[in-house]
Amino acid sequence: MASEDERARRFVARHFPETTRLLAAERPDTVTIPTGDHGDVTTPEPFWCLGEHEFEGYREDIEHRGEDLVLTVPTPCHGEVPFTTLTLVQRPFSPTDQAVKVTAELDGDWHDLTSSELAPVADTFVALVVGPIHGLIERLQLLEADQ
């Protein structure tokens, strides 16, 4: 039987292939990013960051981003379509919040969420599927049966 660590590694490899590739590669402990207001800024590079840093403009705009987790839904006309995208982010020089969060695309806007804020979002998704959406499926099946 696989250990908990091995199961976690397989989960990450299956759902986050780019992160798995980065973890296997030699990575620097720090990264230097050019900015317009502070010149070259050297900062620790988190293991989960994809390492894609271009000219950031201002130091407070420096952002570490992880791999996108794109949740999709199947459609008969367009195949799999994006439903929402979740990404680990950190803005280490932000004057308001330097914590690692998940940024989630919801209704066309991006929202930074802590784990305690993301949990109710996930719970709402589950509740929608087993509640109203399942009820709508049953109603549609009844209407289809009458046609």
C-alpha atoms as a PDB file:
ATOM      1  CA  MET A   1       0.000   0.000   0.000  1.00  0.00           C
ATOM      2  CA  ALA A   2       1.321   3.446  -0.948  1.00  0.00           C
ATOM      3  CA  SER A   3       2.397   5.829   1.783  1.00  0.00           C
ATOM      4  CA  GLU A   4       0.609   9.129   2.316  1.00  0.00           C
ATOM      5  CA  ASP A   5       3.621  10.969   0.832  1.00  0.00           C
ATOM      6  CA  GLU A   6       3.532   8.798  -2.282  1.00  0.00           C
ATOM      7  CA  ARG A   7      -0.226   9.363  -2.710  1.00  0.00           C
ATOM      8  CA  ALA A   8       0.356  13.123  -2.358  1.00  0.00           C
ATOM      9  CA  ARG A   9       3.141  13.009  -4.976  1.00  0.00           C
ATOM     10  CA  ARG A  10       0.872  11.134  -7.394  1.00  0.00           C
ATOM     11  CA  PHE A  11      -1.949  13.623  -6.786  1.00  0.00           C
ATOM     12  CA  VAL A  12       0.343  16.577  -7.533  1.00  0.00           C
ATOM     13  CA  ALA A  13       1.806  14.813 -10.594  1.00  0.00           C
ATOM     14  CA  ARG A  14      -1.679  14.070 -11.967  1.00  0.00           C
ATOM     15  CA  HIS A  15      -3.278  17.471 -11.301  1.00  0.00           C
ATOM     16  CA  PHE A  16      -0.272  19.824 -11.477  1.00  0.00           C
ATOM     17  CA  PRO A  17       2.166  18.485 -14.093  1.00  0.00           C
ATOM     18  CA  GLU A  18       4.005  21.810 -14.501  1.00  0.00           C
ATOM     19  CA  THR A  19       4.588  22.056 -10.746  1.00  0.00           C
ATOM     20  CA  THR A  20       5.893  18.476 -10.757  1.00  0.00           C
ATOM     21  CA  ARG A  21       8.323  19.363 -13.545  1.00  0.00           C
ATOM     22  CA  LEU A  22       9.532  22.418 -11.649  1.00  0.00           C
ATOM     23  CA  LEU A  23      10.010  20.491  -8.415  1.00  0.00           C
ATOM     24  CA  ALA A  24      12.183  17.959 -10.258  1.00  0.00           C
ATOM     25  CA  ALA A  25      14.344  20.646 -11.883  1.00  0.00           C
ATOM     26  CA  GLU A  26      17.195  22.546 -10.320  1.00  0.00           C
ATOM     27  CA  ARG A  27      15.671  25.806  -9.145  1.00  0.00           C
ATOM     28  CA  PRO A  28      17.274  28.887  -7.658  1.00  0.00           C
ATOM     29  CA  ASP A  29      16.394  29.888  -4.111  1.00  0.00           C
ATOM     30  CA  THR A  30      15.991  33.499  -5.230  1.00  0.00           C
ATOM     31  CA  VAL A  31      14.961  35.385  -8.346  1.00  0.00           C
ATOM     32  CA  THR A  32      15.946  38.874  -9.497  1.00  0.00           C
ATOM     33  CA  ILE A  33      13.163  40.890 -11.116  1.00  0.00           C
ATOM     34  CA  PRO A  34      13.641  44.278 -12.817  1.00  0.00           C
ATOM     35  CA  THR A  35      11.339  47.046 -11.607  1.00  0.00           C
ATOM     36  CA  GLY A  36      10.916  50.667 -12.612  1.00  0.00           C
ATOM     37  CA  ASP A  37      10.950  52.083  -9.095  1.00  0.00           C
ATOM     38  CA  HIS A  38      13.550  49.935  -7.241  1.00  0.00           C
ATOM     39  CA  GLY A  39      15.772  48.621 -10.050  1.00  0.00           C
ATOM     40  CA  ASP A  40      16.607  44.920  -9.841  1.00  0.00           C
ATOM     41  CA  VAL A  41      14.835  43.332  -6.865  1.00  0.00           C
ATOM     42  CA  THR A  42      16.020  39.970  -5.537  1.00  0.00           C
ATOM     43  CA  THR A  43      13.412  37.968  -3.643  1.00  0.00           C
ATOM     44  CA  PRO A  44      13.031  34.368  -2.446  1.00  0.00           C
ATOM     45  CA  GLU A  45      11.420  32.167  -5.112  1.00  0.00           C
ATOM     46  CA  PRO A  46       8.721  29.889  -3.641  1.00  0.00           C
ATOM     47  CA  PHE A  47       8.964  26.247  -4.787  1.00  0.00           C
ATOM     48  CA  TRP A  48       5.453  26.412  -6.254  1.00  0.00           C
ATOM     49  CA  CYS A  49       6.050  29.542  -8.367  1.00  0.00           C
ATOM     50  CA  LEU A  50       6.318  28.906 -12.101  1.00  0.00           C
ATOM     51  CA  GLY A  51       9.211  31.389 -12.224  1.00  0.00           C
ATOM     52  CA  GLU A  52       7.695  33.524 -14.969  1.00  0.00           C
ATOM     53  CA  HIS A  53       8.719  37.045 -13.965  1.00  0.00           C
ATOM     54  CA  GLU A  54       8.955  39.771 -16.544  1.00  0.00           C
ATOM     55  CA  PHE A  55       9.432  43.478 -15.985  1.00  0.00           C
ATOM     56  CA  GLU A  56       6.986  44.144 -13.146  1.00  0.00           C
ATOM     57  CA  GLY A  57       6.834  47.963 -13.281  1.00  0.00           C
ATOM     58  CA  TYR A  58       6.653  48.619  -9.557  1.00  0.00           C
ATOM     59  CA  ARG A  59       8.178  46.502  -6.802  1.00  0.00           C
ATOM     60  CA  GLU A  60       4.785  46.127  -5.113  1.00  0.00           C
ATOM     61  CA  ASP A  61       3.479  44.527  -8.346  1.00  0.00           C
ATOM     62  CA  ILE A  62       5.923  41.594  -8.132  1.00  0.00           C
ATOM     63  CA  GLU A  63       3.836  38.452  -8.087  1.00  0.00           C
ATOM     64  CA  HIS A  64       4.639  34.776  -7.643  1.00  0.00           C
ATOM     65  CA  ARG A  65       2.111  32.606  -9.519  1.00  0.00           C
ATOM     66  CA  GLY A  66       1.615  28.879  -9.441  1.00  0.00           C
ATOM     67  CA  GLU A  67       0.131  26.606 -12.046  1.00  0.00           C
ATOM     68  CA  ASP A  68      -3.463  27.310 -13.097  1.00  0.00           C
ATOM     69  CA  LEU A  69      -6.044  24.774 -12.014  1.00  0.00           C
ATOM     70  CA  VAL A  70      -8.737  25.154 -14.679  1.00  0.00           C
ATOM     71  CA  LEU A  71     -12.058  23.584 -13.747  1.00  0.00           C
ATOM     72  CA  THR A  72     -13.983  22.678 -16.875  1.00  0.00           C
ATOM     73  CA  VAL A  73     -17.437  21.417 -17.704  1.00  0.00           C
ATOM     74  CA  PRO A  74     -18.378  19.306 -20.730  1.00  0.00           C
ATOM     75  CA  THR A  75     -20.732  20.769 -23.319  1.00  0.00           C
ATOM     76  CA  PRO A  76     -22.149  19.019 -26.403  1.00  0.00           C
ATOM     77  CA  CYS A  77     -21.414  21.990 -28.673  1.00  0.00           C
ATOM     78  CA  HIS A  78     -17.936  23.129 -27.575  1.00  0.00           C
ATOM     79  CA  GLY A  79     -16.510  20.169 -25.673  1.00  0.00           C
ATOM     80  CA  GLU A  80     -14.793  21.041 -22.397  1.00  0.00           C
ATOM     81  CA  VAL A  81     -15.189  24.728 -21.521  1.00  0.00           C
ATOM     82  CA  PRO A  82     -13.599  26.599 -18.600  1.00  0.00           C
ATOM     83  CA  PHE A  83     -15.830  27.072 -15.587  1.00  0.00           C
ATOM     84  CA  THR A  84     -13.331  28.738 -13.267  1.00  0.00           C
ATOM     85  CA  THR A  85      -9.583  29.021 -12.806  1.00  0.00           C
ATOM     86  CA  LEU A  86      -7.755  28.815  -9.480  1.00  0.00           C
ATOM     87  CA  THR A  87      -4.101  29.791  -8.978  1.00  0.00           C
ATOM     88  CA  LEU A  88      -1.749  30.151  -6.028  1.00  0.00           C
ATOM     89  CA  VAL A  89      -0.462  33.739  -5.840  1.00  0.00           C
ATOM     90  CA  GLN A  90       1.712  35.838  -3.589  1.00  0.00           C
ATOM     91  CA  ARG A  91       2.645  39.488  -3.852  1.00  0.00           C
ATOM     92  CA  PRO A  92       5.642  39.665  -1.506  1.00  0.00           C
ATOM     93  CA  PHE A  93       5.953  43.470  -1.623  1.00  0.00           C
ATOM     94  CA  SER A  94       2.260  44.350  -1.467  1.00  0.00           C
ATOM     95  CA  PRO A  95       1.626  47.161   1.006  1.00  0.00           C
ATOM     96  CA  THR A  96      -1.674  45.565   2.052  1.00  0.00           C
ATOM     97  CA  ASP A  97      -1.284  41.772   2.013  1.00  0.00           C
ATOM     98  CA  GLN A  98       1.790  39.602   1.446  1.00  0.00           C
ATOM     99  CA  ALA A  99       0.194  36.238   2.279  1.00  0.00           C
ATOM    100  CA  VAL A 100      -0.020  33.331  -0.154  1.00  0.00           C
ATOM    101  CA  LYS A 101      -3.587  33.044  -1.419  1.00  0.00           C
ATOM    102  CA  VAL A 102      -5.598  31.423  -4.169  1.00  0.00           C
ATOM    103  CA  THR A 103      -6.888  33.750  -6.815  1.00  0.00           C
ATOM    104  CA  ALA A 104     -10.166  32.495  -8.246  1.00  0.00           C
ATOM    105  CA  GLU A 105     -11.979  33.671 -11.343  1.00  0.00           C
ATOM    106  CA  LEU A 106     -15.624  34.018 -10.396  1.00  0.00           C
ATOM    107  CA  ASP A 107     -18.181  35.776 -12.600  1.00  0.00           C
ATOM    108  CA  GLY A 108     -15.448  37.346 -14.723  1.00  0.00           C
ATOM    109  CA  ASP A 109     -13.588  38.916 -11.776  1.00  0.00           C
ATOM    110  CA  TRP A 110     -10.534  37.695  -9.871  1.00  0.00           C
ATOM    111  CA  HIS A 111     -10.814  37.216  -6.104  1.00  0.00           C
ATOM    112  CA  ASP A 112      -7.910  36.509  -3.730  1.00  0.00           C
ATOM    113  CA  LEU A 113      -8.982  33.931  -1.162  1.00  0.00           C
ATOM    114  CA  THR A 114      -7.428  32.370   1.923  1.00  0.00           C
ATOM    115  CA  SER A 115      -8.012  28.673   2.578  1.00  0.00           C
ATOM    116  CA  SER A 116     -10.794  29.560   5.036  1.00  0.00           C
ATOM    117  CA  GLU A 117     -12.417  31.768   2.374  1.00  0.00           C
ATOM    118  CA  LEU A 118     -11.989  29.187  -0.396  1.00  0.00           C
ATOM    119  CA  ALA A 119     -13.590  26.384   1.644  1.00  0.00           C
ATOM    120  CA  PRO A 120     -17.123  27.892   1.551  1.00  0.00           C
ATOM    121  CA  VAL A 121     -16.738  28.494  -2.201  1.00  0.00           C
ATOM    122  CA  ALA A 122     -15.985  24.785  -2.664  1.00  0.00           C
ATOM    123  CA  ASP A 123     -18.858  23.863  -0.327  1.00  0.00           C
ATOM    124  CA  THR A 124     -21.193  26.059  -2.407  1.00  0.00           C
ATOM    125  CA  PHE A 125     -20.118  24.309  -5.622  1.00  0.00           C
ATOM    126  CA  VAL A 126     -20.880  20.927  -4.041  1.00  0.00           C
ATOM    127  CA  ALA A 127     -24.218  22.146  -2.643  1.00  0.00           C
ATOM    128  CA  LEU A 128     -25.245  23.501  -6.065  1.00  0.00           C
ATOM    129  CA  VAL A 129     -24.477  20.185  -7.737  1.00  0.00           C
ATOM    130  CA  VAL A 130     -26.314  17.981  -5.243  1.00  0.00           C
ATOM    131  CA  GLY A 131     -29.150  20.456  -4.666  1.00  0.00           C
ATOM    132  CA  PRO A 132     -30.535  22.848  -7.276  1.00  0.00           C
ATOM    133  CA  ILE A 133     -28.689  21.437 -10.286  1.00  0.00           C
ATOM    134  CA  HIS A 134     -29.692  17.861  -9.467  1.00  0.00           C
ATOM    135  CA  GLY A 135     -33.295  19.049  -8.973  1.00  0.00           C
ATOM    136  CA  LEU A 136     -33.182  20.800 -12.347  1.00  0.00           C
ATOM    137  CA  ILE A 137     -31.905  17.592 -13.967  1.00  0.00           C
ATOM    138  CA  GLU A 138     -34.836  15.643 -12.512  1.00  0.00           C
ATOM    139  CA  ARG A 139     -37.307  18.290 -13.681  1.00  0.00           C
ATOM    140  CA  LEU A 140     -35.794  18.283 -17.182  1.00  0.00           C
ATOM    141  CA  GLN A 141     -35.938  14.482 -17.319  1.00  0.00           C
ATOM    142  CA  LEU A 142     -39.652  14.607 -16.472  1.00  0.00           C
ATOM    143  CA  LEU A 143     -40.268  17.218 -19.176  1.00  0.00           C
ATOM    144  CA  GLU A 144     -38.252  15.194 -21.720  1.00  0.00           C
ATOM    145  CA  ALA A 145     -40.288  12.094 -20.874  1.00  0.00           C
ATOM    146  CA  ASP A 146     -43.535  13.968 -21.659  1.00  0.00           C
ATOM    147  CA  GLN A 147     -42.346  15.035 -25.133  1.00  0.00           C
END
